[in-house]
Amino acid sequence: MKIEDIGNNNWNVTSDSGNTYRVQMLTKIARDSGSMYFAWKCNCPARKTCKHIRAIEKMSESVDEQASERIA
């Protein structure tokens, strides 16, 4: 998969089959508690969390770990 950060919490993810999908990270507010959380959205036909979202999550975790190592 090829991941391209296009800014504003949006990524283009090109799958191995050559299709490109848009993944968005949305900021939401819980109605009952008022706390903020993040939700993912992908325009691929999958109905559940898709491999495109998982690729972005994995990439984000890797970046966070690298930043932590530099700070420590």
PDB file of N, CA and C in Angstrom:
ATOM      1  N   MET A   1       0.829  -1.185   0.000  1.00  0.00           N
ATOM      2  CA  MET A   1       0.000   0.000   0.000  1.00  0.00           C
ATOM      3  C   MET A   1       0.870   1.243   0.000  1.00  0.00           C
ATOM      4  N   LYS A   2       0.398   2.242  -0.695  1.00  0.00           N
ATOM      5  CA  LYS A   2       1.070   3.539  -0.711  1.00  0.00           C
ATOM      6  C   LYS A   2       0.183   4.526   0.031  1.00  0.00           C
ATOM      7  N   ILE A   3       0.768   5.251   0.990  1.00  0.00           N
ATOM      8  CA  ILE A   3       0.020   6.216   1.790  1.00  0.00           C
ATOM      9  C   ILE A   3       0.564   7.608   1.503  1.00  0.00           C
ATOM     10  N   GLU A   4      -0.342   8.524   1.188  1.00  0.00           N
ATOM     11  CA  GLU A   4       0.033   9.908   0.930  1.00  0.00           C
ATOM     12  C   GLU A   4      -0.748  10.814   1.872  1.00  0.00           C
ATOM     13  N   ASP A   5      -0.030  11.565   2.701  1.00  0.00           N
ATOM     14  CA  ASP A   5      -0.658  12.525   3.605  1.00  0.00           C
ATOM     15  C   ASP A   5      -1.009  13.757   2.786  1.00  0.00           C
ATOM     16  N   ILE A   6      -2.304  14.065   2.686  1.00  0.00           N
ATOM     17  CA  ILE A   6      -2.722  15.219   1.887  1.00  0.00           C
ATOM     18  C   ILE A   6      -3.165  16.385   2.775  1.00  0.00           C
ATOM     19  N   GLY A   7      -2.908  16.277   4.084  1.00  0.00           N
ATOM     20  CA  GLY A   7      -3.167  17.371   5.012  1.00  0.00           C
ATOM     21  C   GLY A   7      -4.550  17.350   5.626  1.00  0.00           C
ATOM     22  N   ASN A   8      -4.712  18.128   6.680  1.00  0.00           N
ATOM     23  CA  ASN A   8      -5.985  18.263   7.397  1.00  0.00           C
ATOM     24  C   ASN A   8      -6.570  16.920   7.809  1.00  0.00           C
ATOM     25  N   ASN A   9      -5.712  16.026   8.308  1.00  0.00           N
ATOM     26  CA  ASN A   9      -6.144  14.693   8.767  1.00  0.00           C
ATOM     27  C   ASN A   9      -6.804  13.876   7.656  1.00  0.00           C
ATOM     28  N   ASN A  10      -6.268  13.991   6.434  1.00  0.00           N
ATOM     29  CA  ASN A  10      -6.731  13.233   5.279  1.00  0.00           C
ATOM     30  C   ASN A  10      -5.541  12.543   4.624  1.00  0.00           C
ATOM     31  N   TRP A  11      -5.768  11.313   4.174  1.00  0.00           N
ATOM     32  CA  TRP A  11      -4.736  10.548   3.486  1.00  0.00           C
ATOM     33  C   TRP A  11      -5.345   9.882   2.260  1.00  0.00           C
ATOM     34  N   ASN A  12      -4.552   9.759   1.203  1.00  0.00           N
ATOM     35  CA  ASN A  12      -4.896   8.915   0.068  1.00  0.00           C
ATOM     36  C   ASN A  12      -4.141   7.619   0.256  1.00  0.00           C
ATOM     37  N   VAL A  13      -4.872   6.510   0.203  1.00  0.00           N
ATOM     38  CA  VAL A  13      -4.259   5.196   0.359  1.00  0.00           C
ATOM     39  C   VAL A  13      -4.494   4.430  -0.938  1.00  0.00           C
ATOM     40  N   THR A  14      -3.407   4.092  -1.623  1.00  0.00           N
ATOM     41  CA  THR A  14      -3.496   3.315  -2.851  1.00  0.00           C
ATOM     42  C   THR A  14      -3.250   1.859  -2.493  1.00  0.00           C
ATOM     43  N   SER A  15      -4.232   1.026  -2.771  1.00  0.00           N
ATOM     44  CA  SER A  15      -4.140  -0.388  -2.422  1.00  0.00           C
ATOM     45  C   SER A  15      -3.270  -1.125  -3.438  1.00  0.00           C
ATOM     46  N   ASP A  16      -2.956  -2.364  -3.117  1.00  0.00           N
ATOM     47  CA  ASP A  16      -2.140  -3.182  -4.008  1.00  0.00           C
ATOM     48  C   ASP A  16      -2.820  -3.412  -5.350  1.00  0.00           C
ATOM     49  N   SER A  17      -4.142  -3.322  -5.385  1.00  0.00           N
ATOM     50  CA  SER A  17      -4.884  -3.511  -6.635  1.00  0.00           C
ATOM     51  C   SER A  17      -4.878  -2.255  -7.505  1.00  0.00           C
ATOM     52  N   GLY A  18      -4.341  -1.150  -6.967  1.00  0.00           N
ATOM     53  CA  GLY A  18      -4.248   0.095  -7.730  1.00  0.00           C
ATOM     54  C   GLY A  18      -5.359   1.096  -7.465  1.00  0.00           C
ATOM     55  N   ASN A  19      -6.354   0.721  -6.662  1.00  0.00           N
ATOM     56  CA  ASN A  19      -7.432   1.648  -6.311  1.00  0.00           C
ATOM     57  C   ASN A  19      -6.956   2.608  -5.224  1.00  0.00           C
ATOM     58  N   THR A  20      -7.379   3.869  -5.317  1.00  0.00           N
ATOM     59  CA  THR A  20      -7.023   4.868  -4.315  1.00  0.00           C
ATOM     60  C   THR A  20      -8.262   5.259  -3.531  1.00  0.00           C
ATOM     61  N   TYR A  21      -8.128   5.235  -2.202  1.00  0.00           N
ATOM     62  CA  TYR A  21      -9.233   5.575  -1.308  1.00  0.00           C
ATOM     63  C   TYR A  21      -8.815   6.718  -0.401  1.00  0.00           C
ATOM     64  N   ARG A  22      -9.795   7.504   0.019  1.00  0.00           N
ATOM     65  CA  ARG A  22      -9.555   8.636   0.916  1.00  0.00           C
ATOM     66  C   ARG A  22      -9.900   8.205   2.337  1.00  0.00           C
ATOM     67  N   VAL A  23      -8.956   8.376   3.251  1.00  0.00           N
ATOM     68  CA  VAL A  23      -9.181   8.096   4.662  1.00  0.00           C
ATOM     69  C   VAL A  23      -9.142   9.425   5.405  1.00  0.00           C
ATOM     70  N   GLN A  24     -10.147   9.646   6.262  1.00  0.00           N
ATOM     71  CA  GLN A  24     -10.230  10.866   7.057  1.00  0.00           C
ATOM     72  C   GLN A  24     -10.271  10.512   8.533  1.00  0.00           C
ATOM     73  N   MET A  25      -9.592  11.325   9.347  1.00  0.00           N
ATOM     74  CA  MET A  25      -9.712  11.207  10.785  1.00  0.00           C
ATOM     75  C   MET A  25     -10.571  12.384  11.233  1.00  0.00           C
ATOM     76  N   LEU A  26     -11.714  12.076  11.820  1.00  0.00           N
ATOM     77  CA  LEU A  26     -12.674  13.090  12.222  1.00  0.00           C
ATOM     78  C   LEU A  26     -12.633  13.288  13.728  1.00  0.00           C
ATOM     79  N   THR A  27     -12.737  14.518  14.176  1.00  0.00           N
ATOM     80  CA  THR A  27     -12.828  14.829  15.595  1.00  0.00           C
ATOM     81  C   THR A  27     -14.305  14.942  15.950  1.00  0.00           C
ATOM     82  N   LYS A  28     -14.711  14.213  16.969  1.00  0.00           N
ATOM     83  CA  LYS A  28     -16.119  14.210  17.379  1.00  0.00           C
ATOM     84  C   LYS A  28     -16.227  14.512  18.863  1.00  0.00           C
ATOM     85  N   ILE A  29     -17.387  14.955  19.275  1.00  0.00           N
ATOM     86  CA  ILE A  29     -17.688  15.222  20.685  1.00  0.00           C
ATOM     87  C   ILE A  29     -18.804  14.266  21.117  1.00  0.00           C
ATOM     88  N   ALA A  30     -18.564  13.532  22.201  1.00  0.00           N
ATOM     89  CA  ALA A  30     -19.574  12.617  22.730  1.00  0.00           C
ATOM     90  C   ALA A  30     -20.720  13.424  23.327  1.00  0.00           C
ATOM     91  N   ARG A  31     -21.935  13.093  22.948  1.00  0.00           N
ATOM     92  CA  ARG A  31     -23.103  13.841  23.434  1.00  0.00           C
ATOM     93  C   ARG A  31     -23.306  13.712  24.938  1.00  0.00           C
ATOM     94  N   ASP A  32     -23.098  12.510  25.450  1.00  0.00           N
ATOM     95  CA  ASP A  32     -23.390  12.291  26.867  1.00  0.00           C
ATOM     96  C   ASP A  32     -22.325  12.870  27.801  1.00  0.00           C
ATOM     97  N   SER A  33     -21.051  12.778  27.415  1.00  0.00           N
ATOM     98  CA  SER A  33     -19.992  13.227  28.320  1.00  0.00           C
ATOM     99  C   SER A  33     -19.315  14.524  27.883  1.00  0.00           C
ATOM    100  N   GLY A  34     -19.481  14.883  26.620  1.00  0.00           N
ATOM    101  CA  GLY A  34     -18.830  16.077  26.107  1.00  0.00           C
ATOM    102  C   GLY A  34     -17.347  15.887  25.827  1.00  0.00           C
ATOM    103  N   SER A  35     -16.868  14.646  25.979  1.00  0.00           N
ATOM    104  CA  SER A  35     -15.448  14.396  25.718  1.00  0.00           C
ATOM    105  C   SER A  35     -15.187  14.251  24.216  1.00  0.00           C
ATOM    106  N   MET A  36     -13.978  14.601  23.833  1.00  0.00           N
ATOM    107  CA  MET A  36     -13.599  14.547  22.422  1.00  0.00           C
ATOM    108  C   MET A  36     -13.025  13.172  22.095  1.00  0.00           C
ATOM    109  N   TYR A  37     -13.315  12.670  20.904  1.00  0.00           N
ATOM    110  CA  TYR A  37     -12.727  11.418  20.442  1.00  0.00           C
ATOM    111  C   TYR A  37     -12.543  11.502  18.941  1.00  0.00           C
ATOM    112  N   PHE A  38     -11.813  10.549  18.396  1.00  0.00           N
ATOM    113  CA  PHE A  38     -11.547  10.520  16.969  1.00  0.00           C
ATOM    114  C   PHE A  38     -12.277   9.360  16.323  1.00  0.00           C
ATOM    115  N   ALA A  39     -12.742   9.573  15.113  1.00  0.00           N
ATOM    116  CA  ALA A  39     -13.406   8.532  14.339  1.00  0.00           C
ATOM    117  C   ALA A  39     -12.772   8.512  12.954  1.00  0.00           C
ATOM    118  N   TRP A  40     -12.772   7.355  12.344  1.00  0.00           N
ATOM    119  CA  TRP A  40     -12.181   7.197  11.023  1.00  0.00           C
ATOM    120  C   TRP A  40     -13.272   7.019   9.971  1.00  0.00           C
ATOM    121  N   LYS A  41     -12.989   7.495   8.775  1.00  0.00           N
ATOM    122  CA  LYS A  41     -13.910   7.352   7.658  1.00  0.00           C
ATOM    123  C   LYS A  41     -13.089   7.026   6.409  1.00  0.00           C
ATOM    124  N   CYS A  42     -13.522   6.030   5.643  1.00  0.00           N
ATOM    125  CA  CYS A  42     -12.862   5.660   4.395  1.00  0.00           C
ATOM    126  C   CYS A  42     -13.940   5.516   3.330  1.00  0.00           C
ATOM    127  N   ASN A  43     -13.625   5.918   2.108  1.00  0.00           N
ATOM    128  CA  ASN A  43     -14.635   5.842   1.053  1.00  0.00           C
ATOM    129  C   ASN A  43     -14.582   4.526   0.269  1.00  0.00           C
ATOM    130  N   CYS A  44     -13.921   3.511   0.803  1.00  0.00           N
ATOM    131  CA  CYS A  44     -13.929   2.202   0.148  1.00  0.00           C
ATOM    132  C   CYS A  44     -15.256   1.497   0.442  1.00  0.00           C
ATOM    133  N   PRO A  45     -15.569   0.422  -0.279  1.00  0.00           N
ATOM    134  CA  PRO A  45     -16.858  -0.249  -0.076  1.00  0.00           C
ATOM    135  C   PRO A  45     -16.969  -1.094   1.193  1.00  0.00           C
ATOM    136  N   ALA A  46     -15.900  -1.264   1.959  1.00  0.00           N
ATOM    137  CA  ALA A  46     -15.975  -2.061   3.191  1.00  0.00           C
ATOM    138  C   ALA A  46     -16.906  -1.388   4.187  1.00  0.00           C
ATOM    139  N   ARG A  47     -17.647  -2.185   4.945  1.00  0.00           N
ATOM    140  CA  ARG A  47     -18.597  -1.632   5.915  1.00  0.00           C
ATOM    141  C   ARG A  47     -18.020  -1.520   7.313  1.00  0.00           C
ATOM    142  N   LYS A  48     -16.992  -2.264   7.605  1.00  0.00           N
ATOM    143  CA  LYS A  48     -16.352  -2.214   8.919  1.00  0.00           C
ATOM    144  C   LYS A  48     -15.008  -1.520   8.774  1.00  0.00           C
ATOM    145  N   THR A  49     -14.238  -1.469   9.869  1.00  0.00           N
ATOM    146  CA  THR A  49     -12.905  -0.878   9.789  1.00  0.00           C
ATOM    147  C   THR A  49     -12.103  -1.620   8.729  1.00  0.00           C
ATOM    148  N   CYS A  50     -11.661  -0.891   7.734  1.00  0.00           N
ATOM    149  CA  CYS A  50     -11.013  -1.508   6.580  1.00  0.00           C
ATOM    150  C   CYS A  50      -9.493  -1.508   6.732  1.00  0.00           C
ATOM    151  N   LYS A  51      -8.833  -2.187   5.808  1.00  0.00           N
ATOM    152  CA  LYS A  51      -7.375  -2.270   5.843  1.00  0.00           C
ATOM    153  C   LYS A  51      -6.722  -0.919   5.573  1.00  0.00           C
ATOM    154  N   HIS A  52      -7.436  -0.007   4.920  1.00  0.00           N
ATOM    155  CA  HIS A  52      -6.880   1.316   4.639  1.00  0.00           C
ATOM    156  C   HIS A  52      -6.783   2.133   5.930  1.00  0.00           C
ATOM    157  N   ILE A  53      -7.823   2.064   6.742  1.00  0.00           N
ATOM    158  CA  ILE A  53      -7.806   2.737   8.042  1.00  0.00           C
ATOM    159  C   ILE A  53      -6.754   2.109   8.943  1.00  0.00           C
ATOM    160  N   ARG A  54      -6.687   0.777   8.959  1.00  0.00           N
ATOM    161  CA  ARG A  54      -5.690   0.093   9.798  1.00  0.00           C
ATOM    162  C   ARG A  54      -4.271   0.482   9.390  1.00  0.00           C
ATOM    163  N   ALA A  55      -4.033   0.692   8.087  1.00  0.00           N
ATOM    164  CA  ALA A  55      -2.700   1.104   7.619  1.00  0.00           C
ATOM    165  C   ALA A  55      -2.342   2.486   8.163  1.00  0.00           C
ATOM    166  N   ILE A  56      -3.311   3.410   8.180  1.00  0.00           N
ATOM    167  CA  ILE A  56      -3.070   4.751   8.715  1.00  0.00           C
ATOM    168  C   ILE A  56      -2.827   4.675  10.225  1.00  0.00           C
ATOM    169  N   GLU A  57      -3.618   3.870  10.931  1.00  0.00           N
ATOM    170  CA  GLU A  57      -3.431   3.723  12.376  1.00  0.00           C
ATOM    171  C   GLU A  57      -2.044   3.164  12.686  1.00  0.00           C
ATOM    172  N   LYS A  58      -1.629   2.155  11.934  1.00  0.00           N
ATOM    173  CA  LYS A  58      -0.316   1.540  12.154  1.00  0.00           C
ATOM    174  C   LYS A  58       0.793   2.547  11.878  1.00  0.00           C
ATOM    175  N   MET A  59       0.659   3.326  10.804  1.00  0.00           N
ATOM    176  CA  MET A  59       1.646   4.338  10.477  1.00  0.00           C
ATOM    177  C   MET A  59       1.719   5.383  11.592  1.00  0.00           C
ATOM    178  N   SER A  60       0.574   5.798  12.116  1.00  0.00           N
ATOM    179  CA  SER A  60       0.527   6.796  13.182  1.00  0.00           C
ATOM    180  C   SER A  60       1.195   6.283  14.452  1.00  0.00           C
ATOM    181  N   GLU A  61       0.962   5.030  14.791  1.00  0.00           N
ATOM    182  CA  GLU A  61       1.594   4.431  15.971  1.00  0.00           C
ATOM    183  C   GLU A  61       3.103   4.418  15.812  1.00  0.00           C
ATOM    184  N   SER A  62       3.583   4.104  14.628  1.00  0.00           N
ATOM    185  CA  SER A  62       5.019   4.064  14.359  1.00  0.00           C
ATOM    186  C   SER A  62       5.631   5.448  14.516  1.00  0.00           C
ATOM    187  N   VAL A  63       4.952   6.471  14.005  1.00  0.00           N
ATOM    188  CA  VAL A  63       5.444   7.848  14.125  1.00  0.00           C
ATOM    189  C   VAL A  63       5.483   8.267  15.585  1.00  0.00           C
ATOM    190  N   ASP A  64       4.430   7.924  16.356  1.00  0.00           N
ATOM    191  CA  ASP A  64       4.384   8.256  17.787  1.00  0.00           C
ATOM    192  C   ASP A  64       5.536   7.594  18.544  1.00  0.00           C
ATOM    193  N   GLU A  65       5.822   6.320  18.219  1.00  0.00           N
ATOM    194  CA  GLU A  65       6.906   5.605  18.897  1.00  0.00           C
ATOM    195  C   GLU A  65       8.250   6.245  18.571  1.00  0.00           C
ATOM    196  N   GLN A  66       8.456   6.626  17.324  1.00  0.00           N
ATOM    197  CA  GLN A  66       9.716   7.259  16.929  1.00  0.00           C
ATOM    198  C   GLN A  66       9.890   8.596  17.652  1.00  0.00           C
ATOM    199  N   ALA A  67       8.810   9.366  17.771  1.00  0.00           N
ATOM    200  CA  ALA A  67       8.883  10.656  18.470  1.00  0.00           C
ATOM    201  C   ALA A  67       9.219  10.442  19.934  1.00  0.00           C
ATOM    202  N   SER A  68       8.615   9.420  20.556  1.00  0.00           N
ATOM    203  CA  SER A  68       8.894   9.129  21.966  1.00  0.00           C
ATOM    204  C   SER A  68      10.344   8.769  22.178  1.00  0.00           C
ATOM    205  N   GLU A  69      10.907   8.016  21.241  1.00  0.00           N
ATOM    206  CA  GLU A  69      12.319   7.610  21.366  1.00  0.00           C
ATOM    207  C   GLU A  69      13.234   8.828  21.258  1.00  0.00           C
ATOM    208  N   ARG A  70      12.892   9.793  20.421  1.00  0.00           N
ATOM    209  CA  ARG A  70      13.721  10.990  20.272  1.00  0.00           C
ATOM    210  C   ARG A  70      13.654  11.872  21.521  1.00  0.00           C
ATOM    211  N   ILE A  71      12.487  11.894  22.182  1.00  0.00           N
ATOM    212  CA  ILE A  71      12.305  12.728  23.369  1.00  0.00           C
ATOM    213  C   ILE A  71      13.022  12.126  24.578  1.00  0.00           C
ATOM    214  N   ALA A  72      12.992  10.809  24.684  1.00  0.00           N
ATOM    215  CA  ALA A  72      13.548  10.127  25.855  1.00  0.00           C
ATOM    216  C   ALA A  72      15.036  10.289  25.989  1.00  0.00           C
TER     217      ALA A  72
END
